[in-house]
């Protein structure tokens, strides 16, 4: 389970930018099915992956850096 600070950070995100990707339709379906089984949605899962990727590479971001 996430700690309270992490939950507050996620809630503070500005979710107005759009990221469009091309992906194999079968892979997309498998990803959507997995998200459903994990009781999440694709957008939430991708946002989490991006946060983890940035942290893994020691990239610090803050609102307004765009």
PDB file of N, CA and C in Angstrom:
ATOM      1  N   UNK A   1       0.842  -1.197   0.000  1.00  0.00           N
ATOM      2  CA  UNK A   1       0.000   0.000   0.000  1.00  0.00           C
ATOM      3  C   UNK A   1       0.879   1.249   0.000  1.00  0.00           C
ATOM      4  N   UNK A   2       0.441   2.260  -0.684  1.00  0.00           N
ATOM      5  CA  UNK A   2       1.204   3.502  -0.767  1.00  0.00           C
ATOM      6  C   UNK A   2       1.140   4.258   0.546  1.00  0.00           C
ATOM      7  N   UNK A   3       2.216   5.004   0.822  1.00  0.00           N
ATOM      8  CA  UNK A   3       2.171   5.840   2.009  1.00  0.00           C
ATOM      9  C   UNK A   3       1.387   7.108   1.701  1.00  0.00           C
ATOM     10  N   UNK A   4       1.027   7.823   2.750  1.00  0.00           N
ATOM     11  CA  UNK A   4       0.163   8.996   2.592  1.00  0.00           C
ATOM     12  C   UNK A   4       0.814  10.069   1.730  1.00  0.00           C
ATOM     13  N   UNK A   5       2.126  10.285   1.883  1.00  0.00           N
ATOM     14  CA  UNK A   5       2.817  11.302   1.080  1.00  0.00           C
ATOM     15  C   UNK A   5       2.749  10.956  -0.399  1.00  0.00           C
ATOM     16  N   UNK A   6       2.916   9.678  -0.733  1.00  0.00           N
ATOM     17  CA  UNK A   6       2.852   9.261  -2.136  1.00  0.00           C
ATOM     18  C   UNK A   6       1.446   9.463  -2.690  1.00  0.00           C
ATOM     19  N   UNK A   7       0.439   9.157  -1.902  1.00  0.00           N
ATOM     20  CA  UNK A   7      -0.944   9.348  -2.344  1.00  0.00           C
ATOM     21  C   UNK A   7      -1.205  10.830  -2.582  1.00  0.00           C
ATOM     22  N   UNK A   8      -0.736  11.694  -1.671  1.00  0.00           N
ATOM     23  CA  UNK A   8      -0.931  13.138  -1.847  1.00  0.00           C
ATOM     24  C   UNK A   8      -0.217  13.645  -3.087  1.00  0.00           C
ATOM     25  N   UNK A   9       0.990  13.113  -3.373  1.00  0.00           N
ATOM     26  CA  UNK A   9       1.728  13.511  -4.570  1.00  0.00           C
ATOM     27  C   UNK A   9       0.947  13.157  -5.824  1.00  0.00           C
ATOM     28  N   UNK A  10       0.386  11.963  -5.863  1.00  0.00           N
ATOM     29  CA  UNK A  10      -0.385  11.516  -7.023  1.00  0.00           C
ATOM     30  C   UNK A  10      -1.613  12.395  -7.192  1.00  0.00           C
ATOM     31  N   UNK A  11      -2.273  12.724  -6.098  1.00  0.00           N
ATOM     32  CA  UNK A  11      -3.486  13.535  -6.179  1.00  0.00           C
ATOM     33  C   UNK A  11      -3.164  14.951  -6.655  1.00  0.00           C
ATOM     34  N   UNK A  12      -1.928  15.431  -6.433  1.00  0.00           N
ATOM     35  CA  UNK A  12      -1.557  16.789  -6.811  1.00  0.00           C
ATOM     36  C   UNK A  12      -1.148  16.900  -8.277  1.00  0.00           C
ATOM     37  N   UNK A  13      -1.034  15.781  -8.970  1.00  0.00           N
ATOM     38  CA  UNK A  13      -0.611  15.824 -10.364  1.00  0.00           C
ATOM     39  C   UNK A  13      -1.626  16.572 -11.225  1.00  0.00           C
ATOM     40  N   UNK A  14      -1.104  17.352 -12.155  1.00  0.00           N
ATOM     41  CA  UNK A  14      -1.933  18.045 -13.133  1.00  0.00           C
ATOM     42  C   UNK A  14      -2.084  17.107 -14.324  1.00  0.00           C
ATOM     43  N   UNK A  15      -3.255  16.609 -14.564  1.00  0.00           N
ATOM     44  CA  UNK A  15      -3.469  15.595 -15.599  1.00  0.00           C
ATOM     45  C   UNK A  15      -4.124  16.195 -16.842  1.00  0.00           C
ATOM     46  N   UNK A  16      -3.475  17.209 -17.405  1.00  0.00           N
ATOM     47  CA  UNK A  16      -4.067  17.852 -18.576  1.00  0.00           C
ATOM     48  C   UNK A  16      -3.284  17.608 -19.858  1.00  0.00           C
ATOM     49  N   UNK A  17      -2.106  17.001 -19.758  1.00  0.00           N
ATOM     50  CA  UNK A  17      -1.310  16.715 -20.960  1.00  0.00           C
ATOM     51  C   UNK A  17      -1.672  15.327 -21.478  1.00  0.00           C
ATOM     52  N   UNK A  18      -1.703  15.191 -22.776  1.00  0.00           N
ATOM     53  CA  UNK A  18      -2.066  13.929 -23.408  1.00  0.00           C
ATOM     54  C   UNK A  18      -0.826  13.291 -24.011  1.00  0.00           C
ATOM     55  N   UNK A  19      -0.685  11.979 -23.837  1.00  0.00           N
ATOM     56  CA  UNK A  19       0.400  11.202 -24.419  1.00  0.00           C
ATOM     57  C   UNK A  19      -0.237  10.140 -25.304  1.00  0.00           C
ATOM     58  N   UNK A  20       0.055  10.193 -26.589  1.00  0.00           N
ATOM     59  CA  UNK A  20      -0.529   9.247 -27.539  1.00  0.00           C
ATOM     60  C   UNK A  20       0.558   8.296 -27.997  1.00  0.00           C
ATOM     61  N   UNK A  21       0.277   6.998 -27.928  1.00  0.00           N
ATOM     62  CA  UNK A  21       1.244   5.994 -28.366  1.00  0.00           C
ATOM     63  C   UNK A  21       0.577   5.026 -29.334  1.00  0.00           C
ATOM     64  N   UNK A  22       1.385   4.415 -30.172  1.00  0.00           N
ATOM     65  CA  UNK A  22       0.902   3.327 -31.023  1.00  0.00           C
ATOM     66  C   UNK A  22       1.384   2.027 -30.402  1.00  0.00           C
ATOM     67  N   UNK A  23       0.493   1.060 -30.315  1.00  0.00           N
ATOM     68  CA  UNK A  23       0.805  -0.213 -29.670  1.00  0.00           C
ATOM     69  C   UNK A  23       0.082  -1.329 -30.417  1.00  0.00           C
ATOM     70  N   UNK A  24       0.660  -2.499 -30.392  1.00  0.00           N
ATOM     71  CA  UNK A  24       0.039  -3.663 -31.004  1.00  0.00           C
ATOM     72  C   UNK A  24      -1.335  -3.902 -30.361  1.00  0.00           C
ATOM     73  N   UNK A  25      -2.378  -4.100 -31.157  1.00  0.00           N
ATOM     74  CA  UNK A  25      -3.728  -4.282 -30.606  1.00  0.00           C
ATOM     75  C   UNK A  25      -3.836  -5.451 -29.620  1.00  0.00           C
ATOM     76  N   UNK A  26      -3.129  -6.547 -29.871  1.00  0.00           N
ATOM     77  CA  UNK A  26      -3.205  -7.683 -28.949  1.00  0.00           C
ATOM     78  C   UNK A  26      -2.536  -7.351 -27.614  1.00  0.00           C
ATOM     79  N   UNK A  27      -1.427  -6.610 -27.669  1.00  0.00           N
ATOM     80  CA  UNK A  27      -0.745  -6.193 -26.440  1.00  0.00           C
ATOM     81  C   UNK A  27      -1.622  -5.218 -25.660  1.00  0.00           C
ATOM     82  N   UNK A  28      -2.305  -4.326 -26.380  1.00  0.00           N
ATOM     83  CA  UNK A  28      -3.220  -3.374 -25.733  1.00  0.00           C
ATOM     84  C   UNK A  28      -4.335  -4.114 -25.009  1.00  0.00           C
ATOM     85  N   UNK A  29      -4.902  -5.091 -25.650  1.00  0.00           N
ATOM     86  CA  UNK A  29      -5.989  -5.881 -25.041  1.00  0.00           C
ATOM     87  C   UNK A  29      -5.486  -6.613 -23.800  1.00  0.00           C
ATOM     88  N   UNK A  30      -4.298  -7.218 -23.888  1.00  0.00           N
ATOM     89  CA  UNK A  30      -3.734  -7.930 -22.733  1.00  0.00           C
ATOM     90  C   UNK A  30      -3.495  -6.964 -21.578  1.00  0.00           C
ATOM     91  N   UNK A  31      -2.994  -5.764 -21.891  1.00  0.00           N
ATOM     92  CA  UNK A  31      -2.752  -4.748 -20.863  1.00  0.00           C
ATOM     93  C   UNK A  31      -4.063  -4.308 -20.214  1.00  0.00           C
ATOM     94  N   UNK A  32      -5.082  -4.048 -21.028  1.00  0.00           N
ATOM     95  CA  UNK A  32      -6.384  -3.648 -20.485  1.00  0.00           C
ATOM     96  C   UNK A  32      -6.984  -4.751 -19.619  1.00  0.00           C
ATOM     97  N   UNK A  33      -6.856  -5.991 -20.053  1.00  0.00           N
ATOM     98  CA  UNK A  33      -7.368  -7.117 -19.260  1.00  0.00           C
ATOM     99  C   UNK A  33      -6.648  -7.218 -17.919  1.00  0.00           C
ATOM    100  N   UNK A  34      -5.322  -7.045 -17.947  1.00  0.00           N
ATOM    101  CA  UNK A  34      -4.546  -7.091 -16.709  1.00  0.00           C
ATOM    102  C   UNK A  34      -4.958  -5.954 -15.779  1.00  0.00           C
ATOM    103  N   UNK A  35      -5.119  -4.769 -16.310  1.00  0.00           N
ATOM    104  CA  UNK A  35      -5.557  -3.635 -15.491  1.00  0.00           C
ATOM    105  C   UNK A  35      -6.898  -3.932 -14.824  1.00  0.00           C
ATOM    106  N   UNK A  36      -7.807  -4.526 -15.561  1.00  0.00           N
ATOM    107  CA  UNK A  36      -9.108  -4.877 -15.001  1.00  0.00           C
ATOM    108  C   UNK A  36      -8.945  -5.873 -13.852  1.00  0.00           C
ATOM    109  N   UNK A  37      -8.102  -6.892 -14.072  1.00  0.00           N
ATOM    110  CA  UNK A  37      -7.878  -7.895 -13.017  1.00  0.00           C
ATOM    111  C   UNK A  37      -7.241  -7.268 -11.787  1.00  0.00           C
ATOM    112  N   UNK A  38      -6.434  -6.225 -11.980  1.00  0.00           N
ATOM    113  CA  UNK A  38      -5.762  -5.562 -10.867  1.00  0.00           C
ATOM    114  C   UNK A  38      -6.587  -4.405 -10.297  1.00  0.00           C
ATOM    115  N   UNK A  39      -7.815  -4.255 -10.765  1.00  0.00           N
ATOM    116  CA  UNK A  39      -8.733  -3.215 -10.305  1.00  0.00           C
ATOM    117  C   UNK A  39      -8.136  -1.822 -10.463  1.00  0.00           C
ATOM    118  N   UNK A  40      -7.579  -1.578 -11.639  1.00  0.00           N
ATOM    119  CA  UNK A  40      -7.063  -0.257 -11.981  1.00  0.00           C
ATOM    120  C   UNK A  40      -7.478   0.027 -13.417  1.00  0.00           C
ATOM    121  N   UNK A  41      -7.036   1.121 -13.977  1.00  0.00           N
ATOM    122  CA  UNK A  41      -7.319   1.369 -15.382  1.00  0.00           C
ATOM    123  C   UNK A  41      -6.004   1.678 -16.100  1.00  0.00           C
ATOM    124  N   UNK A  42      -5.980   1.603 -17.411  1.00  0.00           N
ATOM    125  CA  UNK A  42      -4.739   1.814 -18.137  1.00  0.00           C
ATOM    126  C   UNK A  42      -4.067   3.162 -17.849  1.00  0.00           C
ATOM    127  N   UNK A  43      -4.828   4.215 -17.730  1.00  0.00           N
ATOM    128  CA  UNK A  43      -4.232   5.530 -17.451  1.00  0.00           C
ATOM    129  C   UNK A  43      -3.506   5.535 -16.108  1.00  0.00           C
ATOM    130  N   UNK A  44      -4.140   4.979 -15.084  1.00  0.00           N
ATOM    131  CA  UNK A  44      -3.505   4.926 -13.771  1.00  0.00           C
ATOM    132  C   UNK A  44      -2.228   4.091 -13.819  1.00  0.00           C
ATOM    133  N   UNK A  45      -2.281   2.953 -14.503  1.00  0.00           N
ATOM    134  CA  UNK A  45      -1.119   2.069 -14.585  1.00  0.00           C
ATOM    135  C   UNK A  45       0.029   2.752 -15.323  1.00  0.00           C
ATOM    136  N   UNK A  46      -0.272   3.443 -16.406  1.00  0.00           N
ATOM    137  CA  UNK A  46       0.779   4.119 -17.168  1.00  0.00           C
ATOM    138  C   UNK A  46       1.356   5.279 -16.374  1.00  0.00           C
ATOM    139  N   UNK A  47       0.511   6.053 -15.683  1.00  0.00           N
ATOM    140  CA  UNK A  47       1.028   7.144 -14.849  1.00  0.00           C
ATOM    141  C   UNK A  47       1.973   6.590 -13.777  1.00  0.00           C
ATOM    142  N   UNK A  48       1.609   5.447 -13.177  1.00  0.00           N
ATOM    143  CA  UNK A  48       2.466   4.828 -12.168  1.00  0.00           C
ATOM    144  C   UNK A  48       3.794   4.384 -12.789  1.00  0.00           C
ATOM    145  N   UNK A  49       3.735   3.776 -13.977  1.00  0.00           N
ATOM    146  CA  UNK A  49       4.967   3.350 -14.655  1.00  0.00           C
ATOM    147  C   UNK A  49       5.872   4.551 -14.952  1.00  0.00           C
ATOM    148  N   UNK A  50       5.290   5.661 -15.368  1.00  0.00           N
ATOM    149  CA  UNK A  50       6.078   6.857 -15.663  1.00  0.00           C
ATOM    150  C   UNK A  50       6.723   7.384 -14.387  1.00  0.00           C
ATOM    151  N   UNK A  51       5.958   7.455 -13.277  1.00  0.00           N
ATOM    152  CA  UNK A  51       6.538   7.913 -12.006  1.00  0.00           C
ATOM    153  C   UNK A  51       7.709   7.027 -11.598  1.00  0.00           C
ATOM    154  N   UNK A  52       7.536   5.703 -11.712  1.00  0.00           N
ATOM    155  CA  UNK A  52       8.601   4.771 -11.339  1.00  0.00           C
ATOM    156  C   UNK A  52       9.811   4.910 -12.266  1.00  0.00           C
ATOM    157  N   UNK A  53       9.583   5.095 -13.557  1.00  0.00           N
ATOM    158  CA  UNK A  53      10.670   5.252 -14.526  1.00  0.00           C
ATOM    159  C   UNK A  53      11.482   6.507 -14.228  1.00  0.00           C
ATOM    160  N   UNK A  54      10.785   7.611 -13.935  1.00  0.00           N
ATOM    161  CA  UNK A  54      11.475   8.852 -13.598  1.00  0.00           C
ATOM    162  C   UNK A  54      12.295   8.685 -12.321  1.00  0.00           C
ATOM    163  N   UNK A  55      11.707   8.063 -11.310  1.00  0.00           N
ATOM    164  CA  UNK A  55      12.422   7.851 -10.046  1.00  0.00           C
ATOM    165  C   UNK A  55      13.634   6.951 -10.242  1.00  0.00           C
ATOM    166  N   UNK A  56      13.478   5.911 -11.040  1.00  0.00           N
ATOM    167  CA  UNK A  56      14.572   4.971 -11.314  1.00  0.00           C
ATOM    168  C   UNK A  56      15.777   5.680 -11.934  1.00  0.00           C
ATOM    169  N   UNK A  57      15.504   6.713 -12.704  1.00  0.00           N
ATOM    170  CA  UNK A  57      16.566   7.455 -13.383  1.00  0.00           C
ATOM    171  C   UNK A  57      16.870   8.786 -12.691  1.00  0.00           C
ATOM    172  N   UNK A  58      16.424   8.888 -11.435  1.00  0.00           N
ATOM    173  CA  UNK A  58      16.699  10.072 -10.603  1.00  0.00           C
ATOM    174  C   UNK A  58      16.274  11.381 -11.251  1.00  0.00           C
ATOM    175  N   UNK A  59      15.143  11.338 -11.929  1.00  0.00           N
ATOM    176  CA  UNK A  59      14.595  12.547 -12.537  1.00  0.00           C
ATOM    177  C   UNK A  59      13.554  13.124 -11.577  1.00  0.00           C
ATOM    178  N   UNK A  60      13.824  14.336 -11.135  1.00  0.00           N
ATOM    179  CA  UNK A  60      12.906  15.015 -10.229  1.00  0.00           C
ATOM    180  C   UNK A  60      12.095  16.004 -11.052  1.00  0.00           C
ATOM    181  N   UNK A  61      10.802  15.955 -10.894  1.00  0.00           N
ATOM    182  CA  UNK A  61       9.935  16.880 -11.619  1.00  0.00           C
ATOM    183  C   UNK A  61       9.034  17.568 -10.625  1.00  0.00           C
ATOM    184  N   UNK A  62       8.578  18.709 -11.000  1.00  0.00           N
ATOM    185  CA  UNK A  62       7.597  19.410 -10.180  1.00  0.00           C
ATOM    186  C   UNK A  62       6.623  20.113 -11.111  1.00  0.00           C
ATOM    187  N   UNK A  63       5.482  20.417 -10.575  1.00  0.00           N
ATOM    188  CA  UNK A  63       4.449  21.087 -11.357  1.00  0.00           C
ATOM    189  C   UNK A  63       5.015  22.387 -11.931  1.00  0.00           C
ATOM    190  N   UNK A  64       4.788  22.625 -13.202  1.00  0.00           N
ATOM    191  CA  UNK A  64       5.254  23.839 -13.855  1.00  0.00           C
ATOM    192  C   UNK A  64       6.564  23.671 -14.591  1.00  0.00           C
ATOM    193  N   UNK A  65       7.148  22.442 -14.599  1.00  0.00           N
ATOM    194  CA  UNK A  65       8.402  22.206 -15.293  1.00  0.00           C
ATOM    195  C   UNK A  65       8.228  21.999 -16.797  1.00  0.00           C
ATOM    196  N   UNK A  66       7.008  21.926 -17.265  1.00  0.00           N
ATOM    197  CA  UNK A  66       6.762  21.569 -18.658  1.00  0.00           C
ATOM    198  C   UNK A  66       7.324  22.543 -19.646  1.00  0.00           C
TER     199      UNK A  66
END
